[in-house]
Amino acid sequence: MKKFYIIVIAVFWVFSTNAQNDFYDEDNINTIEIFFVQSNWDQLMDNNYAAGNG
């Protein structure tokens, strides 16, 4: 059973390391989008920064 867990972890590790290769490829431009529920997200972030939380 221990061997099974080691094999499963190894397979997931290989796939996770390969998934990052395309992200850092200098020939591609990747986009990261963040969506906020609150319409005043910028004010909330400014308030947190001013309060020393970021």
PDB file of N, CA and C in Angstrom:
ATOM      1  N   MET A   1       0.827  -1.192   0.000  1.00  0.00           N
ATOM      2  CA  MET A   1       0.000   0.000   0.000  1.00  0.00           C
ATOM      3  C   MET A   1       0.874   1.260   0.000  1.00  0.00           C
ATOM      4  N   LYS A   2       1.998   1.191   0.701  1.00  0.00           N
ATOM      5  CA  LYS A   2       2.901   2.340   0.754  1.00  0.00           C
ATOM      6  C   LYS A   2       3.467   2.631  -0.637  1.00  0.00           C
ATOM      7  N   LYS A   3       3.755   1.577  -1.394  1.00  0.00           N
ATOM      8  CA  LYS A   3       4.266   1.747  -2.746  1.00  0.00           C
ATOM      9  C   LYS A   3       3.249   2.466  -3.633  1.00  0.00           C
ATOM     10  N   PHE A   4       1.990   2.123  -3.449  1.00  0.00           N
ATOM     11  CA  PHE A   4       0.920   2.750  -4.225  1.00  0.00           C
ATOM     12  C   PHE A   4       0.883   4.252  -3.986  1.00  0.00           C
ATOM     13  N   TYR A   5       0.961   4.661  -2.729  1.00  0.00           N
ATOM     14  CA  TYR A   5       0.942   6.087  -2.400  1.00  0.00           C
ATOM     15  C   TYR A   5       2.151   6.813  -2.986  1.00  0.00           C
ATOM     16  N   ILE A   6       3.283   6.187  -2.950  1.00  0.00           N
ATOM     17  CA  ILE A   6       4.494   6.800  -3.509  1.00  0.00           C
ATOM     18  C   ILE A   6       4.347   6.983  -5.014  1.00  0.00           C
ATOM     19  N   ILE A   7       3.787   5.987  -5.684  1.00  0.00           N
ATOM     20  CA  ILE A   7       3.591   6.082  -7.134  1.00  0.00           C
ATOM     21  C   ILE A   7       2.590   7.183  -7.470  1.00  0.00           C
ATOM     22  N   VAL A   8       1.497   7.259  -6.731  1.00  0.00           N
ATOM     23  CA  VAL A   8       0.488   8.292  -6.977  1.00  0.00           C
ATOM     24  C   VAL A   8       1.080   9.679  -6.763  1.00  0.00           C
ATOM     25  N   ILE A   9       1.826   9.860  -5.710  1.00  0.00           N
ATOM     26  CA  ILE A   9       2.458  11.155  -5.436  1.00  0.00           C
ATOM     27  C   ILE A   9       3.453  11.506  -6.534  1.00  0.00           C
ATOM     28  N   ALA A  10       4.218  10.535  -6.990  1.00  0.00           N
ATOM     29  CA  ALA A  10       5.194  10.782  -8.051  1.00  0.00           C
ATOM     30  C   ALA A  10       4.506  11.198  -9.347  1.00  0.00           C
ATOM     31  N   VAL A  11       3.406  10.547  -9.678  1.00  0.00           N
ATOM     32  CA  VAL A  11       2.678  10.892 -10.904  1.00  0.00           C
ATOM     33  C   VAL A  11       2.131  12.316 -10.820  1.00  0.00           C
ATOM     34  N   PHE A  12       1.513  12.660  -9.696  1.00  0.00           N
ATOM     35  CA  PHE A  12       0.993  14.022  -9.536  1.00  0.00           C
ATOM     36  C   PHE A  12       2.116  15.048  -9.566  1.00  0.00           C
ATOM     37  N   TRP A  13       3.259  14.727  -9.009  1.00  0.00           N
ATOM     38  CA  TRP A  13       4.386  15.657  -8.998  1.00  0.00           C
ATOM     39  C   TRP A  13       4.889  15.917 -10.419  1.00  0.00           C
ATOM     40  N   VAL A  14       4.974  14.860 -11.217  1.00  0.00           N
ATOM     41  CA  VAL A  14       5.438  15.015 -12.598  1.00  0.00           C
ATOM     42  C   VAL A  14       4.476  15.898 -13.382  1.00  0.00           C
ATOM     43  N   PHE A  15       3.171  15.651 -13.234  1.00  0.00           N
ATOM     44  CA  PHE A  15       2.196  16.460 -13.961  1.00  0.00           C
ATOM     45  C   PHE A  15       2.200  17.908 -13.489  1.00  0.00           C
ATOM     46  N   SER A  16       2.383  18.133 -12.208  1.00  0.00           N
ATOM     47  CA  SER A  16       2.359  19.509 -11.706  1.00  0.00           C
ATOM     48  C   SER A  16       3.588  20.286 -12.156  1.00  0.00           C
ATOM     49  N   THR A  17       4.734  19.645 -12.245  1.00  0.00           N
ATOM     50  CA  THR A  17       5.926  20.363 -12.706  1.00  0.00           C
ATOM     51  C   THR A  17       5.854  20.637 -14.197  1.00  0.00           C
ATOM     52  N   ASN A  18       5.255  19.741 -14.967  1.00  0.00           N
ATOM     53  CA  ASN A  18       5.120  19.974 -16.408  1.00  0.00           C
ATOM     54  C   ASN A  18       4.098  21.056 -16.712  1.00  0.00           C
ATOM     55  N   ALA A  19       3.112  21.230 -15.880  1.00  0.00           N
ATOM     56  CA  ALA A  19       2.079  22.238 -16.112  1.00  0.00           C
ATOM     57  C   ALA A  19       2.650  23.644 -16.026  1.00  0.00           C
ATOM     58  N   GLN A  20       3.714  23.832 -15.308  1.00  0.00           N
ATOM     59  CA  GLN A  20       4.295  25.159 -15.126  1.00  0.00           C
ATOM     60  C   GLN A  20       5.226  25.552 -16.259  1.00  0.00           C
ATOM     61  N   ASN A  21       5.657  24.619 -17.067  1.00  0.00           N
ATOM     62  CA  ASN A  21       6.607  24.932 -18.132  1.00  0.00           C
ATOM     63  C   ASN A  21       6.037  25.916 -19.140  1.00  0.00           C
ATOM     64  N   ASP A  22       4.788  25.740 -19.546  1.00  0.00           N
ATOM     65  CA  ASP A  22       4.184  26.639 -20.524  1.00  0.00           C
ATOM     66  C   ASP A  22       3.934  28.025 -19.948  1.00  0.00           C
ATOM     67  N   PHE A  23       3.705  28.111 -18.672  1.00  0.00           N
ATOM     68  CA  PHE A  23       3.399  29.405 -18.062  1.00  0.00           C
ATOM     69  C   PHE A  23       4.588  30.358 -18.149  1.00  0.00           C
ATOM     70  N   TYR A  24       5.785  29.855 -18.019  1.00  0.00           N
ATOM     71  CA  TYR A  24       6.979  30.701 -18.023  1.00  0.00           C
ATOM     72  C   TYR A  24       7.667  30.746 -19.388  1.00  0.00           C
ATOM     73  N   ASP A  25       6.994  30.286 -20.427  1.00  0.00           N
ATOM     74  CA  ASP A  25       7.553  30.317 -21.770  1.00  0.00           C
ATOM     75  C   ASP A  25       7.597  31.761 -22.256  1.00  0.00           C
ATOM     76  N   GLU A  26       8.770  32.229 -22.654  1.00  0.00           N
ATOM     77  CA  GLU A  26       8.941  33.623 -23.065  1.00  0.00           C
ATOM     78  C   GLU A  26       8.321  33.918 -24.427  1.00  0.00           C
ATOM     79  N   ASP A  27       7.961  32.892 -25.187  1.00  0.00           N
ATOM     80  CA  ASP A  27       7.352  33.093 -26.494  1.00  0.00           C
ATOM     81  C   ASP A  27       5.836  33.266 -26.418  1.00  0.00           C
ATOM     82  N   ASN A  28       5.253  33.074 -25.250  1.00  0.00           N
ATOM     83  CA  ASN A  28       3.807  33.204 -25.067  1.00  0.00           C
ATOM     84  C   ASN A  28       3.503  34.305 -24.064  1.00  0.00           C
ATOM     85  N   ILE A  29       2.396  34.982 -24.287  1.00  0.00           N
ATOM     86  CA  ILE A  29       1.916  35.983 -23.335  1.00  0.00           C
ATOM     87  C   ILE A  29       0.722  35.376 -22.607  1.00  0.00           C
ATOM     88  N   ASN A  30       0.837  35.233 -21.303  1.00  0.00           N
ATOM     89  CA  ASN A  30      -0.234  34.655 -20.496  1.00  0.00           C
ATOM     90  C   ASN A  30      -1.000  35.757 -19.782  1.00  0.00           C
ATOM     91  N   THR A  31      -2.260  35.504 -19.534  1.00  0.00           N
ATOM     92  CA  THR A  31      -3.127  36.465 -18.866  1.00  0.00           C
ATOM     93  C   THR A  31      -3.616  35.879 -17.557  1.00  0.00           C
ATOM     94  N   ILE A  32      -3.512  36.666 -16.509  1.00  0.00           N
ATOM     95  CA  ILE A  32      -4.071  36.290 -15.214  1.00  0.00           C
ATOM     96  C   ILE A  32      -5.170  37.301 -14.912  1.00  0.00           C
ATOM     97  N   GLU A  33      -6.386  36.807 -14.733  1.00  0.00           N
ATOM     98  CA  GLU A  33      -7.518  37.687 -14.464  1.00  0.00           C
ATOM     99  C   GLU A  33      -8.041  37.426 -13.063  1.00  0.00           C
ATOM    100  N   ILE A  34      -8.319  38.506 -12.347  1.00  0.00           N
ATOM    101  CA  ILE A  34      -8.871  38.417 -10.996  1.00  0.00           C
ATOM    102  C   ILE A  34     -10.205  39.149 -11.010  1.00  0.00           C
ATOM    103  N   PHE A  35     -11.240  38.489 -10.526  1.00  0.00           N
ATOM    104  CA  PHE A  35     -12.572  39.081 -10.478  1.00  0.00           C
ATOM    105  C   PHE A  35     -12.977  39.266  -9.027  1.00  0.00           C
ATOM    106  N   PHE A  36     -13.464  40.462  -8.704  1.00  0.00           N
ATOM    107  CA  PHE A  36     -13.910  40.780  -7.356  1.00  0.00           C
ATOM    108  C   PHE A  36     -15.428  40.902  -7.342  1.00  0.00           C
ATOM    109  N   VAL A  37     -16.049  40.411  -6.292  1.00  0.00           N
ATOM    110  CA  VAL A  37     -17.499  40.500  -6.144  1.00  0.00           C
ATOM    111  C   VAL A  37     -17.906  41.924  -5.789  1.00  0.00           C
ATOM    112  N   GLN A  38     -17.142  42.560  -4.918  1.00  0.00           N
ATOM    113  CA  GLN A  38     -17.474  43.909  -4.462  1.00  0.00           C
ATOM    114  C   GLN A  38     -17.124  44.926  -5.547  1.00  0.00           C
ATOM    115  N   SER A  39     -18.012  45.889  -5.744  1.00  0.00           N
ATOM    116  CA  SER A  39     -17.746  46.921  -6.748  1.00  0.00           C
ATOM    117  C   SER A  39     -16.703  47.929  -6.263  1.00  0.00           C
ATOM    118  N   ASN A  40     -16.533  48.038  -4.947  1.00  0.00           N
ATOM    119  CA  ASN A  40     -15.556  48.982  -4.385  1.00  0.00           C
ATOM    120  C   ASN A  40     -14.286  48.252  -3.935  1.00  0.00           C
ATOM    121  N   TRP A  41     -13.861  47.287  -4.725  1.00  0.00           N
ATOM    122  CA  TRP A  41     -12.713  46.470  -4.356  1.00  0.00           C
ATOM    123  C   TRP A  41     -11.451  47.299  -4.167  1.00  0.00           C
ATOM    124  N   ASP A  42     -11.286  48.337  -4.966  1.00  0.00           N
ATOM    125  CA  ASP A  42     -10.074  49.148  -4.847  1.00  0.00           C
ATOM    126  C   ASP A  42     -10.047  49.920  -3.532  1.00  0.00           C
ATOM    127  N   GLN A  43     -11.190  50.417  -3.099  1.00  0.00           N
ATOM    128  CA  GLN A  43     -11.264  51.116  -1.813  1.00  0.00           C
ATOM    129  C   GLN A  43     -11.009  50.147  -0.662  1.00  0.00           C
ATOM    130  N   LEU A  44     -11.544  48.940  -0.750  1.00  0.00           N
ATOM    131  CA  LEU A  44     -11.317  47.937   0.290  1.00  0.00           C
ATOM    132  C   LEU A  44      -9.837  47.576   0.395  1.00  0.00           C
ATOM    133  N   MET A  45      -9.177  47.451  -0.755  1.00  0.00           N
ATOM    134  CA  MET A  45      -7.748  47.136  -0.737  1.00  0.00           C
ATOM    135  C   MET A  45      -6.938  48.303  -0.182  1.00  0.00           C
ATOM    136  N   ASP A  46      -7.315  49.528  -0.547  1.00  0.00           N
ATOM    137  CA  ASP A  46      -6.633  50.707  -0.005  1.00  0.00           C
ATOM    138  C   ASP A  46      -6.795  50.790   1.508  1.00  0.00           C
ATOM    139  N   ASN A  47      -8.010  50.501   2.001  1.00  0.00           N
ATOM    140  CA  ASN A  47      -8.259  50.528   3.446  1.00  0.00           C
ATOM    141  C   ASN A  47      -7.426  49.476   4.171  1.00  0.00           C
ATOM    142  N   ASN A  48      -7.340  48.287   3.604  1.00  0.00           N
ATOM    143  CA  ASN A  48      -6.527  47.235   4.217  1.00  0.00           C
ATOM    144  C   ASN A  48      -5.052  47.616   4.232  1.00  0.00           C
ATOM    145  N   TYR A  49      -4.587  48.218   3.149  1.00  0.00           N
ATOM    146  CA  TYR A  49      -3.185  48.636   3.087  1.00  0.00           C
ATOM    147  C   TYR A  49      -2.905  49.724   4.120  1.00  0.00           C
ATOM    148  N   ALA A  50      -3.820  50.683   4.238  1.00  0.00           N
ATOM    149  CA  ALA A  50      -3.645  51.773   5.202  1.00  0.00           C
ATOM    150  C   ALA A  50      -3.681  51.264   6.638  1.00  0.00           C
ATOM    151  N   ALA A  51      -4.421  50.191   6.868  1.00  0.00           N
ATOM    152  CA  ALA A  51      -4.508  49.618   8.215  1.00  0.00           C
ATOM    153  C   ALA A  51      -3.312  48.721   8.528  1.00  0.00           C
ATOM    154  N   GLY A  52      -2.403  48.559   7.567  1.00  0.00           N
ATOM    155  CA  GLY A  52      -1.217  47.740   7.794  1.00  0.00           C
ATOM    156  C   GLY A  52      -1.444  46.264   7.534  1.00  0.00           C
ATOM    157  N   ASN A  53      -2.465  45.921   6.774  1.00  0.00           N
ATOM    158  CA  ASN A  53      -2.781  44.521   6.483  1.00  0.00           C
ATOM    159  C   ASN A  53      -2.326  44.099   5.092  1.00  0.00           C
ATOM    160  N   GLY A  54      -1.336  44.745   4.560  1.00  0.00           N
ATOM    161  CA  GLY A  54      -0.918  44.313   3.232  1.00  0.00           C
ATOM    162  C   GLY A  54       0.030  45.259   2.683  1.00  0.00           C
TER     163      GLY A  54
END
